[in-house]
């Protein structure tokens, strides 16, 4: 997966019906996946 520019976001299909949104905020990646913060990413 390519790096995202600051403020950019992409949607990725997960196992559920709704895609997850991955966003680069000041060099920190945030994801709408509920357990993302516990994955050690």
C-alpha atoms as a PDB file:
ATOM      1  CA  UNK A   1       0.000   0.000   0.000  1.00  0.00           C
ATOM      2  CA  UNK A   2       1.416   3.433  -0.892  1.00  0.00           C
ATOM      3  CA  UNK A   3       1.940   6.137   1.709  1.00  0.00           C
ATOM      4  CA  UNK A   4      -0.866   8.671   1.993  1.00  0.00           C
ATOM      5  CA  UNK A   5      -0.249  12.409   1.810  1.00  0.00           C
ATOM      6  CA  UNK A   6      -1.089  14.391   4.934  1.00  0.00           C
ATOM      7  CA  UNK A   7      -4.865  14.768   5.107  1.00  0.00           C
ATOM      8  CA  UNK A   8      -5.497  12.083   2.473  1.00  0.00           C
ATOM      9  CA  UNK A   9      -7.733   9.094   3.083  1.00  0.00           C
ATOM     10  CA  UNK A  10      -8.707   5.875   1.340  1.00  0.00           C
ATOM     11  CA  UNK A  11     -11.434   3.304   1.871  1.00  0.00           C
ATOM     12  CA  UNK A  12     -10.572  -0.370   2.208  1.00  0.00           C
ATOM     13  CA  UNK A  13     -13.001  -3.252   2.105  1.00  0.00           C
ATOM     14  CA  UNK A  14     -13.076  -5.222   5.325  1.00  0.00           C
ATOM     15  CA  UNK A  15     -14.882  -8.415   6.219  1.00  0.00           C
ATOM     16  CA  UNK A  16     -18.131  -6.571   6.967  1.00  0.00           C
ATOM     17  CA  UNK A  17     -20.541  -4.797   4.662  1.00  0.00           C
ATOM     18  CA  UNK A  18     -19.071  -1.312   5.182  1.00  0.00           C
ATOM     19  CA  UNK A  19     -15.566  -0.321   4.038  1.00  0.00           C
ATOM     20  CA  UNK A  20     -13.046   1.040   6.530  1.00  0.00           C
ATOM     21  CA  UNK A  21     -11.588   4.514   6.109  1.00  0.00           C
ATOM     22  CA  UNK A  22      -7.823   4.979   6.579  1.00  0.00           C
ATOM     23  CA  UNK A  23      -6.655   8.586   7.026  1.00  0.00           C
ATOM     24  CA  UNK A  24      -3.214  10.188   7.428  1.00  0.00           C
ATOM     25  CA  UNK A  25      -3.423  13.011   9.969  1.00  0.00           C
ATOM     26  CA  UNK A  26      -0.079  14.735  10.437  1.00  0.00           C
ATOM     27  CA  UNK A  27       1.848  11.512   9.786  1.00  0.00           C
ATOM     28  CA  UNK A  28      -0.357   9.463  12.113  1.00  0.00           C
ATOM     29  CA  UNK A  29      -2.624   6.915  10.482  1.00  0.00           C
ATOM     30  CA  UNK A  30      -6.164   6.581  11.783  1.00  0.00           C
ATOM     31  CA  UNK A  31      -8.615   3.886  10.806  1.00  0.00           C
ATOM     32  CA  UNK A  32     -12.334   3.540  11.361  1.00  0.00           C
ATOM     33  CA  UNK A  33     -11.851  -0.191  12.130  1.00  0.00           C
ATOM     34  CA  UNK A  34     -12.841  -0.497  15.822  1.00  0.00           C
ATOM     35  CA  UNK A  35      -9.878  -2.673  16.886  1.00  0.00           C
ATOM     36  CA  UNK A  36      -7.220  -0.882  14.784  1.00  0.00           C
ATOM     37  CA  UNK A  37      -5.633   0.813  17.796  1.00  0.00           C
ATOM     38  CA  UNK A  38      -5.070  -2.564  19.494  1.00  0.00           C
ATOM     39  CA  UNK A  39      -3.361  -4.192  16.489  1.00  0.00           C
ATOM     40  CA  UNK A  40      -0.015  -2.526  17.156  1.00  0.00           C
ATOM     41  CA  UNK A  41       0.013  -0.814  13.769  1.00  0.00           C
END
